Amino acid sequence: MSPGQDRSPVVPALRSARAVVFDTDGVLTDSAGVHAEAWKAAFDAYLRDLPPDVADTSARRPFDAAEEYRRYVDGRSRRDGAAAFLAARGLPADPAAVEAVAADKERRLTRRLRARPVDAYPGSVRLLRVLRGAGVPMAAASASRHARELLERAGLLDLFDALVDGVEAARLGLPGKPDPALFLEAARRLGVPPGRCALVEDALAGVEAGRRGGFGLVVGVDRAAGPDTADALRRHGADLVVPDPVDLLAAREGQPS
């Protein structure tokens, strides 16, 4: 926000930002869990079908949809996430294997999204509307090819001045997180240098991308509130960690600052 907006309805940390870039899954829409479920189904099917001589028993254990999702695939492109997990298990991560898992995940996710809608988080919607009312430029950025569809269904798409989703990232040849290219493109489309932008992100790879990209403020969203999740977000680059983006609203509205 511009320096003259001293009566801004957001906490001081955001007052220094002229624009805000938001991740979508897990930050704006309740879709991170849907992604995790699709990944688990795809990985578990792949692990069950491995030939006996490919890996030991420990490498075949089911995918952990909490810890392994957060560590290896959350926030990354489908192919990068598949490759990172397979490599972590000591399994072949050749292009054919990566593509097979990534394609299976995409099929499962698409079926799930068509079957049941995904809601937006009320607190996030509240923050978006406050920022829009204050005239703050905003962009949504996501590695997911479904981001536009999810934002449109949730009635949020019109609140953003720019959107860089997985479709755009593929068209432009942008590398995935933790490379900052996705977020830098969003800031470029807003016409604001990254150092004057805030980034709101829930994935470890995403906050690391924000730090690498030189964003002025990196906000980590810790909805899981696990024993180490907030510390992990800080270690990867978050300047500030909140349970919900609504907590960025000023205390005078009844929210912690």
C-alpha atoms as a PDB file:
ATOM      1  CA  MET A   1       0.000   0.000   0.000  1.00  0.00           C
ATOM      2  CA  SER A   2       1.140   3.528  -0.574  1.00  0.00           C
ATOM      3  CA  PRO A   3       2.842   5.378   2.308  1.00  0.00           C
ATOM      4  CA  GLY A   4      -0.071   7.788   2.693  1.00  0.00           C
ATOM      5  CA  GLN A   5      -2.565   5.099   3.678  1.00  0.00           C
ATOM      6  CA  ASP A   6      -2.010   5.376   7.439  1.00  0.00           C
ATOM      7  CA  ARG A   7      -5.627   4.419   8.135  1.00  0.00           C
ATOM      8  CA  SER A   8      -5.269   1.149   6.297  1.00  0.00           C
ATOM      9  CA  PRO A   9      -7.419  -1.645   7.811  1.00  0.00           C
ATOM     10  CA  VAL A  10      -4.544  -4.131   7.752  1.00  0.00           C
ATOM     11  CA  VAL A  11      -1.644  -4.765  10.084  1.00  0.00           C
ATOM     12  CA  PRO A  12       1.492  -2.606   9.781  1.00  0.00           C
ATOM     13  CA  ALA A  13       3.421  -5.391   8.045  1.00  0.00           C
ATOM     14  CA  LEU A  14       1.131  -5.107   5.010  1.00  0.00           C
ATOM     15  CA  ARG A  15       1.032  -1.318   5.037  1.00  0.00           C
ATOM     16  CA  SER A  16       4.504  -1.190   3.512  1.00  0.00           C
ATOM     17  CA  ALA A  17       3.389  -3.301   0.536  1.00  0.00           C
ATOM     18  CA  ARG A  18       2.038  -1.676  -2.607  1.00  0.00           C
ATOM     19  CA  ALA A  19       0.531  -4.946  -3.881  1.00  0.00           C
ATOM     20  CA  VAL A  20      -0.208  -8.483  -2.679  1.00  0.00           C
ATOM     21  CA  VAL A  21       0.265 -11.805  -4.471  1.00  0.00           C
ATOM     22  CA  PHE A  22      -1.763 -14.778  -3.209  1.00  0.00           C
ATOM     23  CA  ASP A  23      -1.267 -18.479  -3.711  1.00  0.00           C
ATOM     24  CA  THR A  24      -4.613 -20.238  -4.246  1.00  0.00           C
ATOM     25  CA  ASP A  25      -4.773 -23.850  -2.960  1.00  0.00           C
ATOM     26  CA  GLY A  26      -4.806 -23.838   0.823  1.00  0.00           C
ATOM     27  CA  VAL A  27      -4.676 -20.050   1.011  1.00  0.00           C
ATOM     28  CA  LEU A  28      -7.821 -18.902  -0.804  1.00  0.00           C
ATOM     29  CA  THR A  29      -9.648 -22.155  -1.535  1.00  0.00           C
ATOM     30  CA  ASP A  30     -10.044 -25.292   0.553  1.00  0.00           C
ATOM     31  CA  SER A  31      -8.426 -27.381  -2.171  1.00  0.00           C
ATOM     32  CA  ALA A  32      -5.031 -28.361  -0.751  1.00  0.00           C
ATOM     33  CA  GLY A  33      -6.603 -31.388   0.912  1.00  0.00           C
ATOM     34  CA  VAL A  34      -8.204 -32.386  -2.384  1.00  0.00           C
ATOM     35  CA  HIS A  35      -4.802 -32.242  -4.062  1.00  0.00           C
ATOM     36  CA  ALA A  36      -3.297 -34.308  -1.226  1.00  0.00           C
ATOM     37  CA  GLU A  37      -5.999 -36.970  -1.608  1.00  0.00           C
ATOM     38  CA  ALA A  38      -5.409 -37.203  -5.351  1.00  0.00           C
ATOM     39  CA  TRP A  39      -1.658 -37.466  -4.842  1.00  0.00           C
ATOM     40  CA  LYS A  40      -2.081 -40.207  -2.244  1.00  0.00           C
ATOM     41  CA  ALA A  41      -4.316 -42.258  -4.495  1.00  0.00           C
ATOM     42  CA  ALA A  42      -1.930 -41.873  -7.438  1.00  0.00           C
ATOM     43  CA  PHE A  43       1.247 -42.584  -5.473  1.00  0.00           C
ATOM     44  CA  ASP A  44      -0.229 -45.539  -3.586  1.00  0.00           C
ATOM     45  CA  ALA A  45      -1.420 -47.106  -6.836  1.00  0.00           C
ATOM     46  CA  TYR A  46       2.027 -46.613  -8.369  1.00  0.00           C
ATOM     47  CA  LEU A  47       3.796 -48.091  -5.323  1.00  0.00           C
ATOM     48  CA  ARG A  48       1.508 -51.146  -5.275  1.00  0.00           C
ATOM     49  CA  ASP A  49       2.272 -51.878  -8.911  1.00  0.00           C
ATOM     50  CA  LEU A  50       6.071 -51.708  -8.619  1.00  0.00           C
ATOM     51  CA  PRO A  51       7.862 -54.915  -9.656  1.00  0.00           C
ATOM     52  CA  PRO A  52       9.226 -56.838  -6.642  1.00  0.00           C
ATOM     53  CA  ASP A  53      12.827 -56.192  -7.576  1.00  0.00           C
ATOM     54  CA  VAL A  54      12.538 -52.402  -7.903  1.00  0.00           C
ATOM     55  CA  ALA A  55      12.545 -51.344  -4.255  1.00  0.00           C
ATOM     56  CA  ASP A  56      12.613 -52.654  -0.697  1.00  0.00           C
ATOM     57  CA  THR A  57       9.561 -52.789   1.548  1.00  0.00           C
ATOM     58  CA  SER A  58      10.182 -49.419   3.196  1.00  0.00           C
ATOM     59  CA  ALA A  59      10.112 -47.651  -0.168  1.00  0.00           C
ATOM     60  CA  ARG A  60       6.704 -49.177  -0.879  1.00  0.00           C
ATOM     61  CA  ARG A  61       4.976 -47.870   2.233  1.00  0.00           C
ATOM     62  CA  PRO A  62       1.858 -45.769   1.516  1.00  0.00           C
ATOM     63  CA  PHE A  63       2.255 -42.078   0.766  1.00  0.00           C
ATOM     64  CA  ASP A  64       1.848 -39.857   3.827  1.00  0.00           C
ATOM     65  CA  ALA A  65      -0.762 -37.298   2.746  1.00  0.00           C
ATOM     66  CA  ALA A  66       0.288 -34.940   5.530  1.00  0.00           C
ATOM     67  CA  GLU A  67       4.054 -34.887   5.973  1.00  0.00           C
ATOM     68  CA  GLU A  68       5.212 -36.153   2.569  1.00  0.00           C
ATOM     69  CA  TYR A  69       2.663 -34.016   0.780  1.00  0.00           C
ATOM     70  CA  ARG A  70       3.923 -30.923   2.617  1.00  0.00           C
ATOM     71  CA  ARG A  71       7.579 -31.783   2.072  1.00  0.00           C
ATOM     72  CA  TYR A  72       7.666 -32.971  -1.534  1.00  0.00           C
ATOM     73  CA  VAL A  73       4.638 -31.963  -3.577  1.00  0.00           C
ATOM     74  CA  ASP A  74       2.720 -29.082  -1.971  1.00  0.00           C
ATOM     75  CA  GLY A  75       2.985 -25.979  -4.137  1.00  0.00           C
ATOM     76  CA  ARG A  76       5.001 -27.659  -6.873  1.00  0.00           C
ATOM     77  CA  SER A  77       3.982 -28.481 -10.416  1.00  0.00           C
ATOM     78  CA  ARG A  78       2.648 -32.005 -10.936  1.00  0.00           C
ATOM     79  CA  ARG A  79       5.797 -33.267 -12.613  1.00  0.00           C
ATOM     80  CA  ASP A  80       8.142 -31.629 -10.113  1.00  0.00           C
ATOM     81  CA  GLY A  81       6.126 -33.030  -7.215  1.00  0.00           C
ATOM     82  CA  ALA A  82       6.073 -36.540  -8.638  1.00  0.00           C
ATOM     83  CA  ALA A  83       9.810 -36.443  -9.330  1.00  0.00           C
ATOM     84  CA  ALA A  84      10.641 -35.122  -5.851  1.00  0.00           C
ATOM     85  CA  PHE A  85       8.646 -37.830  -4.084  1.00  0.00           C
ATOM     86  CA  LEU A  86       9.954 -40.710  -6.190  1.00  0.00           C
ATOM     87  CA  ALA A  87      13.536 -39.535  -5.704  1.00  0.00           C
ATOM     88  CA  ALA A  88      12.999 -39.215  -1.949  1.00  0.00           C
ATOM     89  CA  ARG A  89      11.861 -42.846  -1.827  1.00  0.00           C
ATOM     90  CA  GLY A  90      14.912 -43.928  -3.849  1.00  0.00           C
ATOM     91  CA  LEU A  91      12.701 -44.918  -6.782  1.00  0.00           C
ATOM     92  CA  PRO A  92      13.390 -44.322 -10.467  1.00  0.00           C
ATOM     93  CA  ALA A  93      12.275 -40.792 -11.374  1.00  0.00           C
ATOM     94  CA  ASP A  94      12.715 -41.140 -15.123  1.00  0.00           C
ATOM     95  CA  PRO A  95      10.396 -39.111 -17.385  1.00  0.00           C
ATOM     96  CA  ALA A  96       8.073 -42.058 -18.054  1.00  0.00           C
ATOM     97  CA  ALA A  97       7.534 -42.779 -14.346  1.00  0.00           C
ATOM     98  CA  VAL A  98       7.075 -39.110 -13.487  1.00  0.00           C
ATOM     99  CA  GLU A  99       4.591 -38.579 -16.304  1.00  0.00           C
ATOM    100  CA  ALA A 100       2.603 -41.701 -15.364  1.00  0.00           C
ATOM    101  CA  VAL A 101       2.133 -40.598 -11.753  1.00  0.00           C
ATOM    102  CA  ALA A 102       1.481 -36.960 -12.665  1.00  0.00           C
ATOM    103  CA  ALA A 103      -1.130 -37.896 -15.251  1.00  0.00           C
ATOM    104  CA  ASP A 104      -2.887 -40.268 -12.844  1.00  0.00           C
ATOM    105  CA  LYS A 105      -2.997 -37.558 -10.191  1.00  0.00           C
ATOM    106  CA  GLU A 106      -4.462 -35.095 -12.681  1.00  0.00           C
ATOM    107  CA  ARG A 107      -7.198 -37.554 -13.712  1.00  0.00           C
ATOM    108  CA  ARG A 108      -8.155 -38.236 -10.095  1.00  0.00           C
ATOM    109  CA  LEU A 109      -8.152 -34.549  -9.188  1.00  0.00           C
ATOM    110  CA  THR A 110     -10.280 -33.576 -12.185  1.00  0.00           C
ATOM    111  CA  ARG A 111     -12.884 -36.242 -11.334  1.00  0.00           C
ATOM    112  CA  ARG A 112     -13.023 -35.030  -7.717  1.00  0.00           C
ATOM    113  CA  LEU A 113     -13.432 -31.364  -8.662  1.00  0.00           C
ATOM    114  CA  ARG A 114     -16.234 -32.203 -11.079  1.00  0.00           C
ATOM    115  CA  ALA A 115     -18.020 -34.294  -8.461  1.00  0.00           C
ATOM    116  CA  ARG A 116     -17.969 -31.806  -5.575  1.00  0.00           C
ATOM    117  CA  PRO A 117     -17.271 -28.061  -5.464  1.00  0.00           C
ATOM    118  CA  VAL A 118     -14.438 -26.610  -3.402  1.00  0.00           C
ATOM    119  CA  ASP A 119     -15.242 -23.744  -1.068  1.00  0.00           C
ATOM    120  CA  ALA A 120     -13.288 -20.562  -0.496  1.00  0.00           C
ATOM    121  CA  TYR A 121     -12.085 -19.863   3.037  1.00  0.00           C
ATOM    122  CA  PRO A 122     -14.348 -17.188   4.575  1.00  0.00           C
ATOM    123  CA  GLY A 123     -11.434 -15.450   6.287  1.00  0.00           C
ATOM    124  CA  SER A 124      -9.487 -15.214   3.058  1.00  0.00           C
ATOM    125  CA  VAL A 125     -12.511 -13.809   1.239  1.00  0.00           C
ATOM    126  CA  ARG A 126     -12.900 -11.205   3.952  1.00  0.00           C
ATOM    127  CA  LEU A 127      -9.279 -10.111   3.603  1.00  0.00           C
ATOM    128  CA  LEU A 128      -9.534  -9.954  -0.196  1.00  0.00           C
ATOM    129  CA  ARG A 129     -12.583  -7.714  -0.012  1.00  0.00           C
ATOM    130  CA  VAL A 130     -10.912  -5.393   2.503  1.00  0.00           C
ATOM    131  CA  LEU A 131      -7.842  -5.084   0.289  1.00  0.00           C
ATOM    132  CA  ARG A 132      -9.968  -4.534  -2.810  1.00  0.00           C
ATOM    133  CA  GLY A 133     -11.891  -1.828  -0.969  1.00  0.00           C
ATOM    134  CA  ALA A 134      -8.584  -0.161  -0.074  1.00  0.00           C
ATOM    135  CA  GLY A 135      -7.543  -0.179  -3.739  1.00  0.00           C
ATOM    136  CA  VAL A 136      -4.624  -2.579  -3.273  1.00  0.00           C
ATOM    137  CA  PRO A 137      -3.540  -4.351  -6.501  1.00  0.00           C
ATOM    138  CA  MET A 138      -3.753  -8.129  -6.104  1.00  0.00           C
ATOM    139  CA  ALA A 139      -2.691 -11.146  -8.122  1.00  0.00           C
ATOM    140  CA  ALA A 140      -3.362 -14.860  -7.723  1.00  0.00           C
ATOM    141  CA  ALA A 141      -0.553 -17.237  -8.628  1.00  0.00           C
ATOM    142  CA  SER A 142      -0.647 -21.021  -8.619  1.00  0.00           C
ATOM    143  CA  ALA A 143       1.130 -23.975 -10.172  1.00  0.00           C
ATOM    144  CA  SER A 144      -2.280 -25.613 -10.586  1.00  0.00           C
ATOM    145  CA  ARG A 145      -3.995 -25.669 -13.964  1.00  0.00           C
ATOM    146  CA  HIS A 146      -7.307 -25.585 -12.085  1.00  0.00           C
ATOM    147  CA  ALA A 147      -6.721 -22.255 -10.320  1.00  0.00           C
ATOM    148  CA  ARG A 148      -8.842 -20.143 -12.672  1.00  0.00           C
ATOM    149  CA  GLU A 149     -11.718 -22.628 -12.494  1.00  0.00           C
ATOM    150  CA  LEU A 150     -11.610 -22.759  -8.680  1.00  0.00           C
ATOM    151  CA  LEU A 151     -11.461 -18.974  -8.287  1.00  0.00           C
ATOM    152  CA  GLU A 152     -14.274 -18.505 -10.784  1.00  0.00           C
ATOM    153  CA  ARG A 153     -16.524 -21.023  -9.044  1.00  0.00           C
ATOM    154  CA  ALA A 154     -15.801 -19.368  -5.695  1.00  0.00           C
ATOM    155  CA  GLY A 155     -16.729 -15.945  -7.085  1.00  0.00           C
ATOM    156  CA  LEU A 156     -13.234 -14.565  -6.412  1.00  0.00           C
ATOM    157  CA  LEU A 157     -11.741 -14.191  -9.879  1.00  0.00           C
ATOM    158  CA  ASP A 158     -12.990 -10.631 -10.381  1.00  0.00           C
ATOM    159  CA  LEU A 159     -11.216  -9.482  -7.212  1.00  0.00           C
ATOM    160  CA  PHE A 160      -7.805  -9.961  -8.834  1.00  0.00           C
ATOM    161  CA  ASP A 161      -5.969  -7.706 -11.228  1.00  0.00           C
ATOM    162  CA  ALA A 162      -3.878 -10.606 -12.547  1.00  0.00           C
ATOM    163  CA  LEU A 163      -3.776 -14.400 -12.526  1.00  0.00           C
ATOM    164  CA  VAL A 164      -0.792 -16.601 -13.317  1.00  0.00           C
ATOM    165  CA  ASP A 165      -1.853 -20.249 -13.154  1.00  0.00           C
ATOM    166  CA  GLY A 166      -0.406 -23.547 -14.289  1.00  0.00           C
ATOM    167  CA  VAL A 167      -1.689 -23.026 -17.808  1.00  0.00           C
ATOM    168  CA  GLU A 168       0.100 -19.697 -18.088  1.00  0.00           C
ATOM    169  CA  ALA A 169       3.222 -21.078 -16.443  1.00  0.00           C
ATOM    170  CA  ALA A 170       3.379 -23.857 -19.045  1.00  0.00           C
ATOM    171  CA  ARG A 171       2.763 -21.417 -21.902  1.00  0.00           C
ATOM    172  CA  LEU A 172       5.569 -19.154 -20.712  1.00  0.00           C
ATOM    173  CA  GLY A 173       7.907 -22.017 -19.801  1.00  0.00           C
ATOM    174  CA  LEU A 174       8.178 -20.859 -16.184  1.00  0.00           C
ATOM    175  CA  PRO A 175      10.043 -23.221 -13.841  1.00  0.00           C
ATOM    176  CA  GLY A 176       8.146 -24.420 -10.788  1.00  0.00           C
ATOM    177  CA  LYS A 177       8.534 -23.513  -7.142  1.00  0.00           C
ATOM    178  CA  PRO A 178      10.815 -23.052  -5.258  1.00  0.00           C
ATOM    179  CA  ASP A 179      11.990 -21.078  -8.285  1.00  0.00           C
ATOM    180  CA  PRO A 180      10.311 -17.659  -7.933  1.00  0.00           C
ATOM    181  CA  ALA A 181       9.425 -17.260 -11.637  1.00  0.00           C
ATOM    182  CA  LEU A 182       5.668 -17.766 -11.118  1.00  0.00           C
ATOM    183  CA  PHE A 183       5.452 -15.083  -8.452  1.00  0.00           C
ATOM    184  CA  LEU A 184       7.789 -12.714 -10.252  1.00  0.00           C
ATOM    185  CA  GLU A 185       5.520 -12.903 -13.304  1.00  0.00           C
ATOM    186  CA  ALA A 186       2.528 -12.067 -11.092  1.00  0.00           C
ATOM    187  CA  ALA A 187       4.331  -9.031  -9.660  1.00  0.00           C
ATOM    188  CA  ARG A 188       5.361  -7.974 -13.169  1.00  0.00           C
ATOM    189  CA  ARG A 189       1.735  -8.062 -14.313  1.00  0.00           C
ATOM    190  CA  LEU A 190       0.772  -5.865 -11.365  1.00  0.00           C
ATOM    191  CA  GLY A 191       3.505  -3.413 -12.330  1.00  0.00           C
ATOM    192  CA  VAL A 192       5.018  -3.489  -8.830  1.00  0.00           C
ATOM    193  CA  PRO A 193       8.605  -4.533  -7.986  1.00  0.00           C
ATOM    194  CA  PRO A 194       8.709  -7.729  -5.888  1.00  0.00           C
ATOM    195  CA  GLY A 195      10.432  -5.832  -3.087  1.00  0.00           C
ATOM    196  CA  ARG A 196       7.264  -3.754  -2.708  1.00  0.00           C
ATOM    197  CA  CYS A 197       4.928  -6.767  -2.854  1.00  0.00           C
ATOM    198  CA  ALA A 198       3.690  -9.048  -0.107  1.00  0.00           C
ATOM    199  CA  LEU A 199       3.287 -12.756  -0.872  1.00  0.00           C
ATOM    200  CA  VAL A 200       0.781 -14.967   0.971  1.00  0.00           C
ATOM    201  CA  GLU A 201       1.555 -18.684   0.635  1.00  0.00           C
ATOM    202  CA  ASP A 202       1.044 -21.907   2.607  1.00  0.00           C
ATOM    203  CA  ALA A 203       3.525 -24.283   0.945  1.00  0.00           C
ATOM    204  CA  LEU A 204       7.174 -24.643   1.948  1.00  0.00           C
ATOM    205  CA  ALA A 205       8.246 -24.476  -1.688  1.00  0.00           C
ATOM    206  CA  GLY A 206       6.150 -21.346  -2.104  1.00  0.00           C
ATOM    207  CA  VAL A 207       7.554 -19.365   0.815  1.00  0.00           C
ATOM    208  CA  GLU A 208      11.046 -20.357  -0.311  1.00  0.00           C
ATOM    209  CA  ALA A 209      10.200 -19.026  -3.775  1.00  0.00           C
ATOM    210  CA  GLY A 210       9.049 -15.758  -2.232  1.00  0.00           C
ATOM    211  CA  ARG A 211      12.284 -15.380  -0.335  1.00  0.00           C
ATOM    212  CA  ARG A 212      14.370 -16.212  -3.428  1.00  0.00           C
ATOM    213  CA  GLY A 213      12.363 -13.714  -5.451  1.00  0.00           C
ATOM    214  CA  GLY A 214      13.078 -10.862  -3.051  1.00  0.00           C
ATOM    215  CA  PHE A 215       9.471 -10.208  -2.040  1.00  0.00           C
ATOM    216  CA  GLY A 216       9.229  -7.479   0.562  1.00  0.00           C
ATOM    217  CA  LEU A 217       7.093  -9.571   2.896  1.00  0.00           C
ATOM    218  CA  VAL A 218       6.477 -13.326   2.785  1.00  0.00           C
ATOM    219  CA  VAL A 219       3.476 -14.439   4.828  1.00  0.00           C
ATOM    220  CA  GLY A 220       3.210 -18.131   5.633  1.00  0.00           C
ATOM    221  CA  VAL A 221      -0.272 -19.563   6.200  1.00  0.00           C
ATOM    222  CA  ASP A 222      -0.238 -22.412   8.720  1.00  0.00           C
ATOM    223  CA  ARG A 223      -3.689 -23.969   8.629  1.00  0.00           C
ATOM    224  CA  ALA A 224      -2.339 -27.355   9.747  1.00  0.00           C
ATOM    225  CA  ALA A 225      -0.937 -25.913  13.002  1.00  0.00           C
ATOM    226  CA  GLY A 226       1.218 -29.003  13.472  1.00  0.00           C
ATOM    227  CA  PRO A 227       4.055 -29.236  15.988  1.00  0.00           C
ATOM    228  CA  ASP A 228       6.643 -27.994  13.502  1.00  0.00           C
ATOM    229  CA  THR A 229       4.696 -26.466  10.628  1.00  0.00           C
ATOM    230  CA  ALA A 230       5.070 -22.797  11.594  1.00  0.00           C
ATOM    231  CA  ASP A 231       8.797 -23.214  12.259  1.00  0.00           C
ATOM    232  CA  ALA A 232       9.204 -24.997   8.916  1.00  0.00           C
ATOM    233  CA  LEU A 233       7.536 -22.103   7.113  1.00  0.00           C
ATOM    234  CA  ARG A 234       9.886 -19.654   8.822  1.00  0.00           C
ATOM    235  CA  ARG A 235      12.939 -21.763   8.002  1.00  0.00           C
ATOM    236  CA  HIS A 236      11.947 -21.751   4.334  1.00  0.00           C
ATOM    237  CA  GLY A 237      11.543 -17.988   4.205  1.00  0.00           C
ATOM    238  CA  ALA A 238       8.323 -16.749   5.842  1.00  0.00           C
ATOM    239  CA  ASP A 239       8.709 -13.421   7.650  1.00  0.00           C
ATOM    240  CA  LEU A 240       5.349 -13.830   9.346  1.00  0.00           C
ATOM    241  CA  VAL A 241       3.190 -16.911   9.976  1.00  0.00           C
ATOM    242  CA  VAL A 242      -0.580 -16.759  10.571  1.00  0.00           C
ATOM    243  CA  PRO A 243      -3.202 -19.510  10.992  1.00  0.00           C
ATOM    244  CA  ASP A 244      -5.487 -17.807   8.469  1.00  0.00           C
ATOM    245  CA  PRO A 245      -5.042 -14.800   6.154  1.00  0.00           C
ATOM    246  CA  VAL A 246      -7.890 -13.078   8.015  1.00  0.00           C
ATOM    247  CA  ASP A 247      -5.435 -12.663  10.890  1.00  0.00           C
ATOM    248  CA  LEU A 248      -3.727  -9.992   8.801  1.00  0.00           C
ATOM    249  CA  LEU A 249      -6.668  -7.724   9.534  1.00  0.00           C
ATOM    250  CA  ALA A 250      -6.108  -5.127  12.232  1.00  0.00           C
ATOM    251  CA  ALA A 251      -6.861  -5.918  15.845  1.00  0.00           C
ATOM    252  CA  ARG A 252      -9.540  -3.222  15.865  1.00  0.00           C
ATOM    253  CA  GLU A 253     -11.665  -5.612  13.797  1.00  0.00           C
ATOM    254  CA  GLY A 254     -11.366  -8.212  16.517  1.00  0.00           C
ATOM    255  CA  GLN A 255      -8.564 -10.237  14.948  1.00  0.00           C
ATOM    256  CA  PRO A 256      -5.023 -10.804  16.260  1.00  0.00           C
ATOM    257  CA  SER A 257      -2.385  -8.727  14.491  1.00  0.00           C
END
